[in-house]
Amino acid sequence: MRILIIDDSKFSQITTAKMLRSVMPDLEIAFAGDGEEGWQKYLEYKPDFVFVDLLMPLVDGQTLITRIKKADPNANIIVISADVQMSVRKELEELGIKAFFNKPFNLEKAQMAAGIMKGDAQ
């Protein structure tokens, strides 16, 4: 399974990848450091799942998710962010994200994300 992690924090990218690999060792993982790079990598890499932070430079996560969903309404997107405003979460849920996890991303959240990914993979 191919995933794309889009986060401007290198530490968050590494932590997310490490946690996900601990529960799904066969993941192929690509990274992007901002929303614009994330969009380009999404088009090139064609991931099965996209993990997106909301607060990023150039193109923020919510704008990126809207762009991805316009291009592919069936895109599988999981948000991992410190931005937990209920109005934002509601808008993202209306866009059809699969899940929203608050930072920090830990093993328990990785297990929940793996369950979501495995459920969609079948």
N, C-alpha and C. Protein backbone atom coordinates (compact mmCIF):
# COMPACT_ATOMS: atom_id res chain seq x y z
N MET A 1 0.84 -1.17 0.00
CA MET A 1 0.00 0.00 0.00
C MET A 1 0.89 1.24 0.00
N ARG A 2 0.50 2.22 -0.81
CA ARG A 2 1.27 3.46 -0.95
C ARG A 2 0.59 4.59 -0.19
N ILE A 3 1.36 5.27 0.65
CA ILE A 3 0.81 6.43 1.33
C ILE A 3 1.70 7.64 1.11
N LEU A 4 1.09 8.81 1.22
CA LEU A 4 1.79 10.08 1.10
C LEU A 4 1.54 10.85 2.39
N ILE A 5 2.61 11.28 3.05
CA ILE A 5 2.52 12.07 4.27
C ILE A 5 2.90 13.51 3.92
N ILE A 6 1.96 14.43 4.12
CA ILE A 6 2.18 15.84 3.79
C ILE A 6 2.16 16.64 5.09
N ASP A 7 3.33 17.14 5.48
CA ASP A 7 3.46 17.89 6.73
C ASP A 7 4.72 18.74 6.63
N ASP A 8 4.64 19.99 7.06
CA ASP A 8 5.81 20.86 6.97
C ASP A 8 6.84 20.57 8.06
N SER A 9 6.49 19.75 9.02
CA SER A 9 7.43 19.37 10.08
C SER A 9 8.09 18.03 9.73
N LYS A 10 9.40 18.07 9.53
CA LYS A 10 10.14 16.83 9.24
C LYS A 10 9.98 15.84 10.39
N PHE A 11 9.99 16.36 11.63
CA PHE A 11 9.81 15.50 12.80
C PHE A 11 8.46 14.78 12.73
N SER A 12 7.40 15.51 12.39
CA SER A 12 6.07 14.89 12.29
C SER A 12 6.03 13.86 11.17
N GLN A 13 6.68 14.16 10.05
CA GLN A 13 6.74 13.19 8.94
C GLN A 13 7.37 11.88 9.42
N ILE A 14 8.52 12.00 10.07
CA ILE A 14 9.26 10.82 10.52
C ILE A 14 8.48 10.05 11.58
N THR A 15 7.90 10.79 12.54
CA THR A 15 7.12 10.14 13.60
C THR A 15 5.92 9.40 13.02
N THR A 16 5.19 10.05 12.12
CA THR A 16 4.02 9.42 11.50
C THR A 16 4.43 8.16 10.74
N ALA A 17 5.48 8.26 9.94
CA ALA A 17 5.95 7.11 9.17
C ALA A 17 6.37 5.97 10.09
N LYS A 18 7.11 6.30 11.14
CA LYS A 18 7.60 5.28 12.07
C LYS A 18 6.44 4.57 12.76
N MET A 19 5.46 5.33 13.22
CA MET A 19 4.30 4.73 13.90
C MET A 19 3.50 3.85 12.94
N LEU A 20 3.28 4.34 11.73
CA LEU A 20 2.51 3.55 10.76
C LEU A 20 3.25 2.28 10.35
N ARG A 21 4.57 2.40 10.15
CA ARG A 21 5.36 1.22 9.77
C ARG A 21 5.40 0.19 10.89
N SER A 22 5.27 0.63 12.13
CA SER A 22 5.29 -0.32 13.25
C SER A 22 4.06 -1.23 13.23
N VAL A 23 2.97 -0.75 12.64
CA VAL A 23 1.76 -1.58 12.57
C VAL A 23 1.48 -2.09 11.15
N MET A 24 2.10 -1.49 10.15
CA MET A 24 1.97 -1.93 8.76
C MET A 24 3.35 -1.85 8.09
N PRO A 25 4.20 -2.86 8.32
CA PRO A 25 5.60 -2.79 7.87
C PRO A 25 5.80 -2.69 6.36
N ASP A 26 4.83 -3.10 5.57
CA ASP A 26 5.02 -3.13 4.12
C ASP A 26 4.61 -1.84 3.41
N LEU A 27 4.33 -0.79 4.15
CA LEU A 27 3.91 0.47 3.53
C LEU A 27 5.02 1.06 2.67
N GLU A 28 4.62 1.60 1.51
CA GLU A 28 5.52 2.43 0.70
C GLU A 28 5.14 3.86 1.04
N ILE A 29 6.11 4.66 1.46
CA ILE A 29 5.79 6.00 1.96
C ILE A 29 6.56 7.07 1.19
N ALA A 30 5.83 8.10 0.75
CA ALA A 30 6.43 9.29 0.15
C ALA A 30 6.09 10.47 1.05
N PHE A 31 6.88 11.54 0.93
CA PHE A 31 6.71 12.70 1.80
C PHE A 31 6.64 13.99 0.99
N ALA A 32 5.93 14.97 1.54
CA ALA A 32 5.92 16.32 0.99
C ALA A 32 5.91 17.29 2.17
N GLY A 33 6.59 18.45 2.00
CA GLY A 33 6.77 19.39 3.09
C GLY A 33 5.83 20.58 3.10
N ASP A 34 4.98 20.70 2.07
CA ASP A 34 3.97 21.76 2.07
C ASP A 34 2.84 21.34 1.13
N GLY A 35 1.78 22.12 1.12
CA GLY A 35 0.61 21.75 0.34
C GLY A 35 0.85 21.72 -1.16
N GLU A 36 1.66 22.65 -1.67
CA GLU A 36 1.93 22.68 -3.11
C GLU A 36 2.72 21.45 -3.54
N GLU A 37 3.79 21.15 -2.78
CA GLU A 37 4.57 19.94 -3.06
C GLU A 37 3.69 18.70 -2.88
N GLY A 38 2.80 18.75 -1.89
CA GLY A 38 1.88 17.63 -1.65
C GLY A 38 0.99 17.37 -2.84
N TRP A 39 0.50 18.43 -3.46
CA TRP A 39 -0.36 18.29 -4.65
C TRP A 39 0.42 17.63 -5.79
N GLN A 40 1.64 18.11 -6.03
CA GLN A 40 2.47 17.53 -7.10
C GLN A 40 2.77 16.05 -6.82
N LYS A 41 3.14 15.74 -5.58
CA LYS A 41 3.44 14.35 -5.23
C LYS A 41 2.18 13.49 -5.33
N TYR A 42 1.03 14.04 -4.97
CA TYR A 42 -0.22 13.28 -5.08
C TYR A 42 -0.45 12.87 -6.54
N LEU A 43 -0.27 13.81 -7.45
CA LEU A 43 -0.48 13.52 -8.87
C LEU A 43 0.53 12.50 -9.40
N GLU A 44 1.78 12.61 -8.97
CA GLU A 44 2.84 11.71 -9.45
C GLU A 44 2.77 10.33 -8.80
N TYR A 45 2.58 10.30 -7.50
CA TYR A 45 2.71 9.08 -6.70
C TYR A 45 1.44 8.23 -6.68
N LYS A 46 0.30 8.89 -6.84
CA LYS A 46 -1.01 8.21 -6.81
C LYS A 46 -1.14 7.28 -5.59
N PRO A 47 -1.09 7.87 -4.39
CA PRO A 47 -1.13 7.06 -3.17
C PRO A 47 -2.51 6.46 -2.90
N ASP A 48 -2.52 5.38 -2.14
CA ASP A 48 -3.78 4.78 -1.70
C ASP A 48 -4.40 5.61 -0.57
N PHE A 49 -3.55 6.21 0.26
CA PHE A 49 -3.98 7.07 1.36
C PHE A 49 -3.07 8.28 1.45
N VAL A 50 -3.66 9.41 1.84
CA VAL A 50 -2.91 10.64 2.03
C VAL A 50 -3.11 11.09 3.48
N PHE A 51 -2.01 11.34 4.17
CA PHE A 51 -2.04 11.88 5.53
C PHE A 51 -1.65 13.36 5.43
N VAL A 52 -2.55 14.24 5.88
CA VAL A 52 -2.36 15.67 5.67
C VAL A 52 -2.41 16.45 6.98
N ASP A 53 -1.43 17.33 7.16
CA ASP A 53 -1.46 18.32 8.24
C ASP A 53 -2.25 19.52 7.70
N LEU A 54 -2.87 20.28 8.57
CA LEU A 54 -3.66 21.43 8.11
C LEU A 54 -2.86 22.72 8.04
N LEU A 55 -1.97 22.94 8.99
CA LEU A 55 -1.24 24.21 9.07
C LEU A 55 0.11 24.08 8.38
N MET A 56 0.13 24.51 7.09
CA MET A 56 1.35 24.40 6.28
C MET A 56 1.51 25.64 5.43
N PRO A 57 2.76 25.94 5.00
CA PRO A 57 2.98 27.08 4.11
C PRO A 57 2.53 26.79 2.68
N LEU A 58 2.48 27.84 1.90
CA LEU A 58 2.11 27.85 0.47
C LEU A 58 0.65 27.48 0.26
N VAL A 59 0.32 26.23 0.45
CA VAL A 59 -1.08 25.79 0.34
C VAL A 59 -1.40 25.05 1.64
N ASP A 60 -2.41 25.53 2.37
CA ASP A 60 -2.74 24.88 3.64
C ASP A 60 -3.46 23.55 3.38
N GLY A 61 -3.54 22.75 4.42
CA GLY A 61 -4.09 21.40 4.28
C GLY A 61 -5.53 21.37 3.82
N GLN A 62 -6.35 22.28 4.33
CA GLN A 62 -7.77 22.28 3.95
C GLN A 62 -7.94 22.60 2.46
N THR A 63 -7.17 23.57 1.97
CA THR A 63 -7.21 23.90 0.54
C THR A 63 -6.72 22.72 -0.29
N LEU A 64 -5.66 22.08 0.16
CA LEU A 64 -5.12 20.91 -0.54
C LEU A 64 -6.15 19.78 -0.59
N ILE A 65 -6.80 19.51 0.53
CA ILE A 65 -7.80 18.44 0.58
C ILE A 65 -8.94 18.74 -0.39
N THR A 66 -9.37 20.00 -0.43
CA THR A 66 -10.43 20.40 -1.37
C THR A 66 -9.97 20.14 -2.81
N ARG A 67 -8.74 20.49 -3.12
CA ARG A 67 -8.19 20.30 -4.47
C ARG A 67 -8.12 18.81 -4.82
N ILE A 68 -7.63 18.00 -3.89
CA ILE A 68 -7.53 16.55 -4.13
C ILE A 68 -8.92 15.96 -4.34
N LYS A 69 -9.88 16.33 -3.50
CA LYS A 69 -11.23 15.77 -3.60
C LYS A 69 -11.94 16.19 -4.88
N LYS A 70 -11.62 17.40 -5.40
CA LYS A 70 -12.18 17.82 -6.69
C LYS A 70 -11.64 16.95 -7.81
N ALA A 71 -10.34 16.65 -7.74
CA ALA A 71 -9.70 15.83 -8.76
C ALA A 71 -10.10 14.37 -8.63
N ASP A 72 -10.27 13.90 -7.40
CA ASP A 72 -10.61 12.50 -7.14
C ASP A 72 -11.52 12.41 -5.92
N PRO A 73 -12.84 12.41 -6.14
CA PRO A 73 -13.79 12.37 -5.02
C PRO A 73 -13.62 11.14 -4.13
N ASN A 74 -12.99 10.08 -4.64
CA ASN A 74 -12.79 8.86 -3.86
C ASN A 74 -11.45 8.81 -3.13
N ALA A 75 -10.69 9.89 -3.17
CA ALA A 75 -9.38 9.92 -2.50
C ALA A 75 -9.54 9.64 -1.01
N ASN A 76 -8.63 8.83 -0.48
CA ASN A 76 -8.64 8.46 0.93
C ASN A 76 -7.70 9.38 1.70
N ILE A 77 -8.29 10.26 2.50
CA ILE A 77 -7.51 11.27 3.20
C ILE A 77 -7.72 11.15 4.71
N ILE A 78 -6.61 11.16 5.43
CA ILE A 78 -6.61 11.16 6.89
C ILE A 78 -5.86 12.41 7.34
N VAL A 79 -6.49 13.18 8.21
CA VAL A 79 -5.88 14.41 8.71
C VAL A 79 -5.21 14.14 10.05
N ILE A 80 -3.98 14.64 10.18
CA ILE A 80 -3.26 14.61 11.46
C ILE A 80 -2.83 16.05 11.72
N SER A 81 -3.46 16.70 12.69
CA SER A 81 -3.18 18.12 12.89
C SER A 81 -3.39 18.55 14.32
N ALA A 82 -2.74 19.65 14.67
CA ALA A 82 -2.96 20.27 15.98
C ALA A 82 -4.15 21.23 15.92
N ASP A 83 -4.61 21.56 14.71
CA ASP A 83 -5.76 22.45 14.53
C ASP A 83 -7.03 21.64 14.76
N VAL A 84 -7.68 21.85 15.89
CA VAL A 84 -8.84 21.02 16.24
C VAL A 84 -10.14 21.83 16.35
N GLN A 85 -10.22 22.95 15.65
CA GLN A 85 -11.44 23.74 15.68
C GLN A 85 -12.60 22.91 15.13
N MET A 86 -13.69 22.90 15.85
CA MET A 86 -14.84 22.07 15.44
C MET A 86 -15.38 22.49 14.07
N SER A 87 -15.37 23.79 13.77
CA SER A 87 -15.87 24.24 12.47
C SER A 87 -15.01 23.68 11.34
N VAL A 88 -13.70 23.63 11.56
CA VAL A 88 -12.78 23.09 10.55
C VAL A 88 -13.02 21.58 10.40
N ARG A 89 -13.13 20.89 11.51
CA ARG A 89 -13.37 19.43 11.45
C ARG A 89 -14.66 19.13 10.69
N LYS A 90 -15.70 19.91 10.94
CA LYS A 90 -16.99 19.70 10.28
C LYS A 90 -16.84 19.88 8.76
N GLU A 91 -16.15 20.94 8.36
CA GLU A 91 -15.93 21.18 6.93
C GLU A 91 -15.15 20.03 6.30
N LEU A 92 -14.14 19.53 7.00
CA LEU A 92 -13.34 18.42 6.48
C LEU A 92 -14.18 17.15 6.37
N GLU A 93 -15.01 16.90 7.36
CA GLU A 93 -15.88 15.72 7.32
C GLU A 93 -16.84 15.81 6.14
N GLU A 94 -17.32 17.03 5.85
CA GLU A 94 -18.20 17.22 4.69
C GLU A 94 -17.46 16.96 3.38
N LEU A 95 -16.15 17.19 3.37
CA LEU A 95 -15.34 16.88 2.18
C LEU A 95 -15.10 15.38 2.03
N GLY A 96 -15.37 14.62 3.09
CA GLY A 96 -15.25 13.17 3.00
C GLY A 96 -13.93 12.59 3.46
N ILE A 97 -13.27 13.25 4.42
CA ILE A 97 -12.04 12.65 4.95
C ILE A 97 -12.39 11.35 5.69
N LYS A 98 -11.43 10.46 5.77
CA LYS A 98 -11.64 9.17 6.44
C LYS A 98 -11.53 9.28 7.95
N ALA A 99 -10.65 10.17 8.44
CA ALA A 99 -10.45 10.31 9.88
C ALA A 99 -9.70 11.59 10.17
N PHE A 100 -9.80 12.03 11.43
CA PHE A 100 -9.06 13.20 11.92
C PHE A 100 -8.39 12.80 13.22
N PHE A 101 -7.07 12.88 13.25
CA PHE A 101 -6.32 12.57 14.47
C PHE A 101 -5.61 13.83 14.95
N ASN A 102 -5.72 14.10 16.24
CA ASN A 102 -4.99 15.22 16.84
C ASN A 102 -3.53 14.83 17.00
N LYS A 103 -2.64 15.81 16.80
CA LYS A 103 -1.23 15.60 17.11
C LYS A 103 -1.08 15.63 18.62
N PRO A 104 -0.13 14.92 19.18
CA PRO A 104 0.87 14.09 18.50
C PRO A 104 0.29 12.74 18.05
N PHE A 105 0.81 12.26 16.92
CA PHE A 105 0.41 10.96 16.38
C PHE A 105 1.19 9.89 17.13
N ASN A 106 0.48 8.93 17.72
CA ASN A 106 1.14 7.90 18.52
C ASN A 106 0.75 6.51 18.04
N LEU A 107 1.21 5.50 18.74
CA LEU A 107 0.97 4.12 18.33
C LEU A 107 -0.52 3.78 18.32
N GLU A 108 -1.25 4.23 19.31
CA GLU A 108 -2.70 3.96 19.36
C GLU A 108 -3.41 4.55 18.14
N LYS A 109 -3.05 5.77 17.77
CA LYS A 109 -3.65 6.42 16.60
C LYS A 109 -3.20 5.72 15.32
N ALA A 110 -1.96 5.26 15.28
CA ALA A 110 -1.46 4.51 14.12
C ALA A 110 -2.25 3.21 13.95
N GLN A 111 -2.56 2.56 15.05
CA GLN A 111 -3.36 1.32 14.97
C GLN A 111 -4.76 1.61 14.44
N MET A 112 -5.35 2.72 14.87
CA MET A 112 -6.67 3.09 14.36
C MET A 112 -6.59 3.43 12.87
N ALA A 113 -5.55 4.16 12.47
CA ALA A 113 -5.37 4.50 11.06
C ALA A 113 -5.16 3.24 10.23
N ALA A 114 -4.38 2.29 10.75
CA ALA A 114 -4.15 1.02 10.04
C ALA A 114 -5.47 0.28 9.85
N GLY A 115 -6.31 0.28 10.86
CA GLY A 115 -7.62 -0.36 10.74
C GLY A 115 -8.45 0.27 9.64
N ILE A 116 -8.40 1.59 9.54
CA ILE A 116 -9.13 2.29 8.48
C ILE A 116 -8.55 1.91 7.12
N MET A 117 -7.22 1.91 7.01
CA MET A 117 -6.58 1.60 5.72
C MET A 117 -6.84 0.15 5.31
N LYS A 118 -6.74 -0.76 6.24
CA LYS A 118 -6.97 -2.18 5.92
C LYS A 118 -8.43 -2.41 5.55
N GLY A 119 -9.32 -1.69 6.19
CA GLY A 119 -10.74 -1.81 5.86
C GLY A 119 -11.03 -1.39 4.44
N ASP A 120 -10.34 -0.34 3.98
CA ASP A 120 -10.53 0.13 2.62
C ASP A 120 -9.78 -0.71 1.60
N ALA A 121 -8.76 -1.42 2.05
CA ALA A 121 -7.94 -2.21 1.12
C ALA A 121 -8.63 -3.50 0.72
N GLN A 122 -9.65 -3.90 1.46
CA GLN A 122 -10.28 -5.20 1.18
C GLN A 122 -11.35 -5.10 0.13
